[in-house]
Amino acid sequence: MSKGCITDQSLLGVIDNFDRPAGAYADGLYADADTYADGPENKPGKRIPKAGAVAKAGVGRAGARWKIFQAEAKGPNASAGAEANVLEAGAMARAEVGSASASAGPVGVKVGLGVDTGVKVGPTMIEAKVLGTGVTLGSTIGISLFGSELKFKLW
């Protein structure tokens, strides 16, 4: 099971994951690095073309996913990643003391203490964060404060 970041999902994300099977994971110490390029393929998580790279390491994480629902808790961690898909592109670096997050389709919430720095842009939205504090405007409306955030994807 892929252990990517918990994120709220746009309509494309819901289409990509509406039939995702249930899965759970738990790790102590972890370090992962990956690159990916997914083309249109009729499988959960691979319907929408996307490409990217991610590297992450930390102490303790646990999560569960099923269809469009997901939840995760993490201890101290750091990560960096970049992704481009048919609607947006961005890069973000993150360091956290810890966090807990959950999403149900287009609504996502995360509570934690961390410093995210990066940008994501697309034709219908822009997101900018510096040291964990920032905003998301456009088709996604969100606010972040020192690693905690609340987001709503409108379309």
N, C-alpha and C. Protein backbone atom coordinates (compact mmCIF):
# COMPACT_ATOMS: atom_id res chain seq x y z
N MET A 1 0.84 -1.18 0.00
CA MET A 1 0.00 0.00 0.00
C MET A 1 0.88 1.23 0.00
N SER A 2 0.60 2.16 -0.88
CA SER A 2 1.35 3.40 -0.96
C SER A 2 1.12 4.22 0.31
N LYS A 3 2.18 4.84 0.79
CA LYS A 3 2.08 5.65 2.01
C LYS A 3 2.37 7.10 1.67
N GLY A 4 1.57 7.69 0.78
CA GLY A 4 1.74 9.08 0.40
C GLY A 4 1.14 10.00 1.45
N CYS A 5 1.16 11.27 1.18
CA CYS A 5 0.59 12.24 2.09
C CYS A 5 -0.93 12.15 2.06
N ILE A 6 -1.54 12.41 3.19
CA ILE A 6 -2.99 12.49 3.26
C ILE A 6 -3.38 13.85 2.69
N THR A 7 -4.26 13.83 1.72
CA THR A 7 -4.70 15.08 1.13
C THR A 7 -6.18 15.03 0.85
N ASP A 8 -6.78 16.22 0.83
CA ASP A 8 -8.15 16.31 0.36
C ASP A 8 -8.10 16.02 -1.14
N GLN A 9 -9.20 15.58 -1.70
CA GLN A 9 -9.20 15.17 -3.10
C GLN A 9 -10.15 16.03 -3.92
N SER A 10 -9.70 16.43 -5.07
CA SER A 10 -10.57 17.11 -6.00
C SER A 10 -11.48 16.07 -6.65
N LEU A 11 -12.34 16.52 -7.53
CA LEU A 11 -13.20 15.59 -8.25
C LEU A 11 -12.35 14.54 -8.97
N LEU A 12 -11.20 14.96 -9.54
CA LEU A 12 -10.32 14.00 -10.19
C LEU A 12 -9.78 12.98 -9.20
N GLY A 13 -9.45 13.41 -7.99
CA GLY A 13 -8.98 12.48 -6.97
C GLY A 13 -10.05 11.50 -6.55
N VAL A 14 -11.28 11.97 -6.46
CA VAL A 14 -12.40 11.08 -6.12
C VAL A 14 -12.58 10.04 -7.23
N ILE A 15 -12.52 10.48 -8.48
CA ILE A 15 -12.63 9.55 -9.62
C ILE A 15 -11.48 8.54 -9.58
N ASP A 16 -10.30 9.02 -9.22
CA ASP A 16 -9.12 8.16 -9.20
C ASP A 16 -9.18 7.11 -8.09
N ASN A 17 -9.92 7.38 -7.02
CA ASN A 17 -9.88 6.50 -5.84
C ASN A 17 -11.22 5.97 -5.36
N PHE A 18 -12.30 6.15 -6.09
CA PHE A 18 -13.62 5.75 -5.60
C PHE A 18 -13.71 4.26 -5.30
N ASP A 19 -12.88 3.44 -5.92
CA ASP A 19 -12.93 2.00 -5.69
C ASP A 19 -11.64 1.46 -5.06
N ARG A 20 -10.88 2.33 -4.39
CA ARG A 20 -9.64 1.92 -3.75
C ARG A 20 -9.97 0.90 -2.65
N PRO A 21 -9.27 -0.22 -2.61
CA PRO A 21 -9.54 -1.21 -1.56
C PRO A 21 -9.05 -0.69 -0.20
N ALA A 22 -9.59 -1.28 0.85
CA ALA A 22 -9.19 -0.90 2.21
C ALA A 22 -7.76 -1.35 2.47
N GLY A 23 -7.04 -0.57 3.25
CA GLY A 23 -5.68 -0.92 3.61
C GLY A 23 -5.24 -0.12 4.82
N ALA A 24 -4.30 -0.65 5.56
CA ALA A 24 -3.76 0.03 6.74
C ALA A 24 -2.27 -0.24 6.83
N TYR A 25 -1.55 0.61 7.52
CA TYR A 25 -0.12 0.43 7.70
C TYR A 25 0.32 1.05 9.02
N ALA A 26 1.43 0.58 9.52
CA ALA A 26 2.06 1.14 10.72
C ALA A 26 3.56 0.89 10.61
N ASP A 27 4.35 1.91 10.85
CA ASP A 27 5.81 1.81 10.76
C ASP A 27 6.44 2.48 11.96
N GLY A 28 7.60 1.96 12.39
CA GLY A 28 8.42 2.62 13.39
C GLY A 28 9.31 3.61 12.66
N LEU A 29 10.60 3.35 12.63
CA LEU A 29 11.51 4.16 11.82
C LEU A 29 11.24 3.88 10.36
N TYR A 30 11.23 4.93 9.53
CA TYR A 30 11.01 4.72 8.10
C TYR A 30 11.78 5.74 7.29
N ALA A 31 12.14 5.34 6.10
CA ALA A 31 12.78 6.22 5.11
C ALA A 31 12.38 5.69 3.74
N ASP A 32 11.79 6.55 2.92
CA ASP A 32 11.32 6.16 1.59
C ASP A 32 11.74 7.22 0.58
N ALA A 33 12.02 6.77 -0.62
CA ALA A 33 12.25 7.67 -1.75
C ALA A 33 11.65 7.00 -2.97
N ASP A 34 10.97 7.77 -3.80
CA ASP A 34 10.29 7.19 -4.95
C ASP A 34 10.10 8.22 -6.05
N THR A 35 10.13 7.75 -7.27
CA THR A 35 9.69 8.53 -8.42
C THR A 35 8.57 7.73 -9.07
N TYR A 36 7.66 8.43 -9.73
CA TYR A 36 6.54 7.74 -10.36
C TYR A 36 6.06 8.51 -11.57
N ALA A 37 5.48 7.77 -12.48
CA ALA A 37 4.83 8.34 -13.67
C ALA A 37 3.67 7.41 -13.99
N ASP A 38 2.47 7.87 -13.69
CA ASP A 38 1.28 7.06 -13.90
C ASP A 38 0.50 7.62 -15.08
N GLY A 39 0.19 6.74 -16.01
CA GLY A 39 -0.62 7.12 -17.15
C GLY A 39 -2.04 6.66 -16.94
N PRO A 40 -2.91 6.98 -17.85
CA PRO A 40 -4.29 6.53 -17.68
C PRO A 40 -4.37 5.01 -17.72
N GLU A 41 -4.75 4.44 -16.58
CA GLU A 41 -4.88 2.99 -16.44
C GLU A 41 -6.08 2.76 -15.53
N ASN A 42 -6.93 1.85 -15.83
CA ASN A 42 -8.15 1.66 -15.06
C ASN A 42 -7.88 0.89 -13.76
N LYS A 43 -7.11 1.54 -12.87
CA LYS A 43 -6.79 1.00 -11.55
C LYS A 43 -6.86 2.15 -10.54
N PRO A 44 -7.24 1.85 -9.29
CA PRO A 44 -7.27 2.91 -8.28
C PRO A 44 -5.93 3.64 -8.17
N GLY A 45 -5.99 4.98 -8.16
CA GLY A 45 -4.79 5.79 -8.03
C GLY A 45 -4.02 5.99 -9.32
N LYS A 46 -4.46 5.37 -10.42
CA LYS A 46 -3.70 5.48 -11.67
C LYS A 46 -4.55 5.95 -12.85
N ARG A 47 -5.76 6.40 -12.60
CA ARG A 47 -6.64 6.84 -13.69
C ARG A 47 -6.25 8.21 -14.23
N ILE A 48 -5.72 9.06 -13.39
CA ILE A 48 -5.36 10.41 -13.77
C ILE A 48 -3.84 10.47 -14.02
N PRO A 49 -3.40 10.91 -15.20
CA PRO A 49 -1.96 10.99 -15.47
C PRO A 49 -1.25 11.93 -14.50
N LYS A 50 -0.12 11.46 -13.94
CA LYS A 50 0.66 12.27 -13.02
C LYS A 50 2.09 11.75 -12.97
N ALA A 51 3.00 12.63 -12.57
CA ALA A 51 4.40 12.24 -12.41
C ALA A 51 4.97 13.04 -11.25
N GLY A 52 5.93 12.44 -10.55
CA GLY A 52 6.53 13.15 -9.44
C GLY A 52 7.64 12.38 -8.77
N ALA A 53 8.15 12.98 -7.71
CA ALA A 53 9.20 12.38 -6.90
C ALA A 53 8.98 12.79 -5.46
N VAL A 54 9.31 11.88 -4.54
CA VAL A 54 9.13 12.17 -3.12
C VAL A 54 10.21 11.45 -2.32
N ALA A 55 10.66 12.09 -1.25
CA ALA A 55 11.58 11.47 -0.29
C ALA A 55 11.08 11.85 1.09
N LYS A 56 11.05 10.86 2.01
CA LYS A 56 10.56 11.13 3.36
C LYS A 56 11.22 10.20 4.36
N ALA A 57 11.32 10.68 5.59
CA ALA A 57 11.88 9.88 6.68
C ALA A 57 11.27 10.36 7.98
N GLY A 58 11.14 9.43 8.93
CA GLY A 58 10.56 9.82 10.20
C GLY A 58 10.58 8.71 11.22
N VAL A 59 9.95 8.99 12.35
CA VAL A 59 9.86 8.05 13.45
C VAL A 59 8.38 7.88 13.79
N GLY A 60 7.80 6.79 13.35
CA GLY A 60 6.42 6.46 13.68
C GLY A 60 5.39 7.07 12.76
N ARG A 61 4.62 6.19 12.13
CA ARG A 61 3.46 6.62 11.35
C ARG A 61 2.48 5.45 11.26
N ALA A 62 1.22 5.79 11.19
CA ALA A 62 0.17 4.78 11.04
C ALA A 62 -0.96 5.42 10.27
N GLY A 63 -1.60 4.63 9.43
CA GLY A 63 -2.69 5.18 8.64
C GLY A 63 -3.60 4.11 8.09
N ALA A 64 -4.72 4.56 7.55
CA ALA A 64 -5.68 3.67 6.93
C ALA A 64 -6.36 4.41 5.79
N ARG A 65 -6.74 3.64 4.74
CA ARG A 65 -7.41 4.20 3.57
C ARG A 65 -8.48 3.25 3.09
N TRP A 66 -9.55 3.82 2.60
CA TRP A 66 -10.61 3.03 1.98
C TRP A 66 -11.41 3.97 1.10
N LYS A 67 -11.50 3.62 -0.17
CA LYS A 67 -12.21 4.43 -1.17
C LYS A 67 -11.71 5.86 -1.10
N ILE A 68 -12.58 6.84 -0.82
CA ILE A 68 -12.15 8.25 -0.79
C ILE A 68 -11.82 8.73 0.61
N PHE A 69 -11.79 7.81 1.59
CA PHE A 69 -11.52 8.17 2.98
C PHE A 69 -10.09 7.78 3.35
N GLN A 70 -9.44 8.62 4.17
CA GLN A 70 -8.09 8.32 4.60
C GLN A 70 -7.80 9.04 5.92
N ALA A 71 -6.93 8.43 6.74
CA ALA A 71 -6.52 9.03 8.01
C ALA A 71 -5.09 8.60 8.28
N GLU A 72 -4.32 9.46 8.94
CA GLU A 72 -2.92 9.15 9.22
C GLU A 72 -2.45 9.92 10.45
N ALA A 73 -1.58 9.31 11.24
CA ALA A 73 -0.90 9.97 12.36
C ALA A 73 0.59 9.74 12.17
N LYS A 74 1.38 10.79 12.40
CA LYS A 74 2.83 10.69 12.22
C LYS A 74 3.56 11.33 13.39
N GLY A 75 4.70 10.74 13.73
CA GLY A 75 5.61 11.32 14.70
C GLY A 75 6.55 12.27 13.97
N PRO A 76 7.70 12.58 14.57
CA PRO A 76 8.66 13.48 13.93
C PRO A 76 9.03 12.97 12.54
N ASN A 77 9.02 13.88 11.55
CA ASN A 77 9.32 13.48 10.17
C ASN A 77 9.75 14.66 9.33
N ALA A 78 10.35 14.34 8.19
CA ALA A 78 10.72 15.35 7.20
C ALA A 78 10.49 14.76 5.82
N SER A 79 10.10 15.60 4.87
CA SER A 79 9.86 15.12 3.51
C SER A 79 10.04 16.25 2.51
N ALA A 80 10.23 15.87 1.27
CA ALA A 80 10.28 16.81 0.15
C ALA A 80 9.70 16.10 -1.05
N GLY A 81 8.94 16.83 -1.85
CA GLY A 81 8.34 16.20 -3.02
C GLY A 81 7.91 17.20 -4.06
N ALA A 82 7.71 16.70 -5.26
CA ALA A 82 7.20 17.50 -6.38
C ALA A 82 6.29 16.60 -7.19
N GLU A 83 5.19 17.19 -7.72
CA GLU A 83 4.26 16.43 -8.54
C GLU A 83 3.64 17.34 -9.58
N ALA A 84 3.36 16.77 -10.73
CA ALA A 84 2.60 17.46 -11.78
C ALA A 84 1.54 16.49 -12.27
N ASN A 85 0.31 17.00 -12.44
CA ASN A 85 -0.75 16.20 -13.04
C ASN A 85 -1.46 17.06 -14.06
N VAL A 86 -2.59 16.62 -14.55
CA VAL A 86 -3.24 17.34 -15.63
C VAL A 86 -3.80 18.69 -15.20
N LEU A 87 -3.94 18.95 -13.90
CA LEU A 87 -4.51 20.22 -13.45
C LEU A 87 -3.60 21.11 -12.63
N GLU A 88 -2.49 20.60 -12.09
CA GLU A 88 -1.65 21.42 -11.24
C GLU A 88 -0.24 20.85 -11.14
N ALA A 89 0.66 21.72 -10.67
CA ALA A 89 2.04 21.30 -10.44
C ALA A 89 2.54 22.02 -9.20
N GLY A 90 3.44 21.37 -8.46
CA GLY A 90 3.96 22.01 -7.27
C GLY A 90 5.09 21.25 -6.64
N ALA A 91 5.70 21.90 -5.65
CA ALA A 91 6.78 21.30 -4.87
C ALA A 91 6.64 21.80 -3.44
N MET A 92 6.92 20.91 -2.47
CA MET A 92 6.79 21.26 -1.07
C MET A 92 7.85 20.53 -0.25
N ALA A 93 8.44 21.22 0.70
CA ALA A 93 9.34 20.61 1.68
C ALA A 93 8.66 20.74 3.04
N ARG A 94 8.81 19.72 3.89
CA ARG A 94 8.06 19.70 5.15
C ARG A 94 8.92 19.08 6.24
N ALA A 95 8.82 19.66 7.43
CA ALA A 95 9.39 19.07 8.65
C ALA A 95 8.33 19.22 9.73
N GLU A 96 8.04 18.12 10.44
CA GLU A 96 6.98 18.15 11.45
C GLU A 96 7.46 17.52 12.76
N VAL A 97 6.96 18.04 13.86
CA VAL A 97 7.14 17.41 15.15
C VAL A 97 6.18 16.23 15.25
N GLY A 98 4.99 16.40 14.70
CA GLY A 98 3.98 15.36 14.66
C GLY A 98 2.70 15.90 14.08
N SER A 99 1.82 14.99 13.60
CA SER A 99 0.55 15.44 13.03
C SER A 99 -0.45 14.29 12.99
N ALA A 100 -1.71 14.68 12.89
CA ALA A 100 -2.80 13.74 12.65
C ALA A 100 -3.66 14.37 11.57
N SER A 101 -4.05 13.59 10.56
CA SER A 101 -4.82 14.14 9.45
C SER A 101 -5.88 13.16 9.00
N ALA A 102 -6.91 13.72 8.36
CA ALA A 102 -7.98 12.90 7.83
C ALA A 102 -8.62 13.63 6.67
N SER A 103 -9.16 12.86 5.72
CA SER A 103 -9.91 13.47 4.64
C SER A 103 -11.03 12.53 4.21
N ALA A 104 -12.09 13.15 3.72
CA ALA A 104 -13.23 12.44 3.15
C ALA A 104 -13.54 13.15 1.86
N GLY A 105 -13.05 12.60 0.74
CA GLY A 105 -13.26 13.25 -0.54
C GLY A 105 -12.65 14.64 -0.56
N PRO A 106 -13.46 15.68 -0.81
CA PRO A 106 -12.92 17.03 -0.99
C PRO A 106 -12.63 17.79 0.29
N VAL A 107 -12.88 17.22 1.47
CA VAL A 107 -12.66 17.92 2.74
C VAL A 107 -11.51 17.26 3.47
N GLY A 108 -10.54 18.08 3.88
CA GLY A 108 -9.39 17.55 4.60
C GLY A 108 -9.04 18.42 5.79
N VAL A 109 -8.58 17.81 6.87
CA VAL A 109 -8.15 18.53 8.05
C VAL A 109 -6.87 17.89 8.57
N LYS A 110 -5.97 18.74 9.06
CA LYS A 110 -4.71 18.25 9.61
C LYS A 110 -4.39 19.09 10.84
N VAL A 111 -4.03 18.41 11.94
CA VAL A 111 -3.64 19.08 13.16
C VAL A 111 -2.23 18.63 13.49
N GLY A 112 -1.33 19.59 13.65
CA GLY A 112 0.04 19.22 13.93
C GLY A 112 0.90 20.45 14.14
N LEU A 113 2.18 20.22 14.32
CA LEU A 113 3.15 21.30 14.45
C LEU A 113 4.24 21.03 13.44
N GLY A 114 4.35 21.91 12.45
CA GLY A 114 5.33 21.70 11.40
C GLY A 114 5.59 22.94 10.59
N VAL A 115 6.55 22.82 9.71
CA VAL A 115 6.92 23.93 8.83
C VAL A 115 6.96 23.41 7.39
N ASP A 116 5.91 23.72 6.63
CA ASP A 116 5.85 23.39 5.21
C ASP A 116 6.26 24.64 4.45
N THR A 117 7.05 24.45 3.42
CA THR A 117 7.42 25.57 2.56
C THR A 117 7.36 25.10 1.12
N GLY A 118 6.59 25.83 0.30
CA GLY A 118 6.50 25.46 -1.10
C GLY A 118 5.33 26.15 -1.77
N VAL A 119 5.08 25.71 -3.01
CA VAL A 119 4.03 26.32 -3.82
C VAL A 119 3.39 25.26 -4.70
N LYS A 120 2.11 25.44 -4.99
CA LYS A 120 1.38 24.60 -5.93
C LYS A 120 0.52 25.55 -6.78
N VAL A 121 0.57 25.40 -8.09
CA VAL A 121 -0.20 26.27 -8.98
C VAL A 121 -0.94 25.46 -10.03
N GLY A 122 -2.04 25.99 -10.45
CA GLY A 122 -2.84 25.40 -11.50
C GLY A 122 -3.71 26.49 -12.11
N PRO A 123 -4.44 26.18 -13.16
CA PRO A 123 -5.26 27.20 -13.79
C PRO A 123 -6.41 27.68 -12.91
N THR A 124 -6.79 26.90 -11.89
CA THR A 124 -7.92 27.30 -11.05
C THR A 124 -7.56 27.51 -9.59
N MET A 125 -6.28 27.38 -9.21
CA MET A 125 -5.91 27.57 -7.81
C MET A 125 -4.43 27.87 -7.65
N ILE A 126 -4.10 28.44 -6.49
CA ILE A 126 -2.70 28.66 -6.11
C ILE A 126 -2.59 28.42 -4.61
N GLU A 127 -1.50 27.77 -4.21
CA GLU A 127 -1.21 27.52 -2.80
C GLU A 127 0.22 27.96 -2.54
N ALA A 128 0.41 28.69 -1.45
CA ALA A 128 1.75 29.11 -1.05
C ALA A 128 1.87 28.98 0.46
N LYS A 129 2.98 28.38 0.91
CA LYS A 129 3.24 28.21 2.34
C LYS A 129 4.69 28.58 2.62
N VAL A 130 4.90 29.24 3.73
CA VAL A 130 6.24 29.54 4.22
C VAL A 130 6.26 29.21 5.70
N LEU A 131 7.16 28.32 6.10
CA LEU A 131 7.30 27.90 7.49
C LEU A 131 5.98 27.46 8.11
N GLY A 132 5.19 26.71 7.33
CA GLY A 132 3.97 26.12 7.84
C GLY A 132 2.74 27.01 7.81
N THR A 133 2.89 28.23 7.36
CA THR A 133 1.77 29.17 7.35
C THR A 133 1.52 29.63 5.92
N GLY A 134 0.25 29.56 5.49
CA GLY A 134 -0.06 29.98 4.14
C GLY A 134 -1.53 29.87 3.82
N VAL A 135 -1.85 30.10 2.54
CA VAL A 135 -3.23 30.05 2.08
C VAL A 135 -3.31 29.30 0.77
N THR A 136 -4.50 28.82 0.50
CA THR A 136 -4.84 28.21 -0.78
C THR A 136 -6.08 28.92 -1.27
N LEU A 137 -6.02 29.43 -2.50
CA LEU A 137 -7.13 30.21 -3.06
C LEU A 137 -7.49 29.68 -4.44
N GLY A 138 -8.77 29.76 -4.77
CA GLY A 138 -9.26 29.33 -6.08
C GLY A 138 -10.24 28.19 -5.92
N SER A 139 -10.08 27.14 -6.71
CA SER A 139 -10.98 25.99 -6.63
C SER A 139 -10.83 25.26 -5.30
N THR A 140 -9.72 25.46 -4.64
CA THR A 140 -9.50 24.97 -3.28
C THR A 140 -9.37 26.17 -2.36
N ILE A 141 -10.08 26.14 -1.26
CA ILE A 141 -9.99 27.20 -0.26
C ILE A 141 -9.38 26.58 0.99
N GLY A 142 -8.31 27.17 1.51
CA GLY A 142 -7.69 26.61 2.69
C GLY A 142 -6.83 27.61 3.42
N ILE A 143 -6.56 27.29 4.67
CA ILE A 143 -5.67 28.10 5.48
C ILE A 143 -4.78 27.16 6.30
N SER A 144 -3.52 27.53 6.44
CA SER A 144 -2.55 26.74 7.19
C SER A 144 -1.87 27.63 8.21
N LEU A 145 -1.66 27.09 9.40
CA LEU A 145 -0.99 27.85 10.46
C LEU A 145 -0.05 26.91 11.21
N PHE A 146 1.25 27.07 11.01
CA PHE A 146 2.29 26.29 11.68
C PHE A 146 2.07 24.78 11.58
N GLY A 147 1.63 24.32 10.42
CA GLY A 147 1.50 22.89 10.18
C GLY A 147 0.10 22.34 10.33
N SER A 148 -0.83 23.08 10.91
CA SER A 148 -2.23 22.65 10.97
C SER A 148 -2.97 23.31 9.81
N GLU A 149 -3.95 22.60 9.24
CA GLU A 149 -4.65 23.20 8.11
C GLU A 149 -6.06 22.66 7.96
N LEU A 150 -6.88 23.44 7.26
CA LEU A 150 -8.23 23.05 6.90
C LEU A 150 -8.41 23.43 5.44
N LYS A 151 -8.87 22.46 4.62
CA LYS A 151 -9.04 22.71 3.18
C LYS A 151 -10.36 22.16 2.70
N PHE A 152 -10.94 22.85 1.72
CA PHE A 152 -12.14 22.40 1.01
C PHE A 152 -11.86 22.51 -0.48
N LYS A 153 -11.95 21.43 -1.19
CA LYS A 153 -11.82 21.46 -2.65
C LYS A 153 -13.21 21.61 -3.24
N LEU A 154 -13.45 22.71 -3.92
CA LEU A 154 -14.77 23.00 -4.45
C LEU A 154 -15.02 22.28 -5.76
N TRP A 155 -14.02 22.16 -6.61
CA TRP A 155 -14.13 21.40 -7.85
C TRP A 155 -12.78 20.93 -8.29
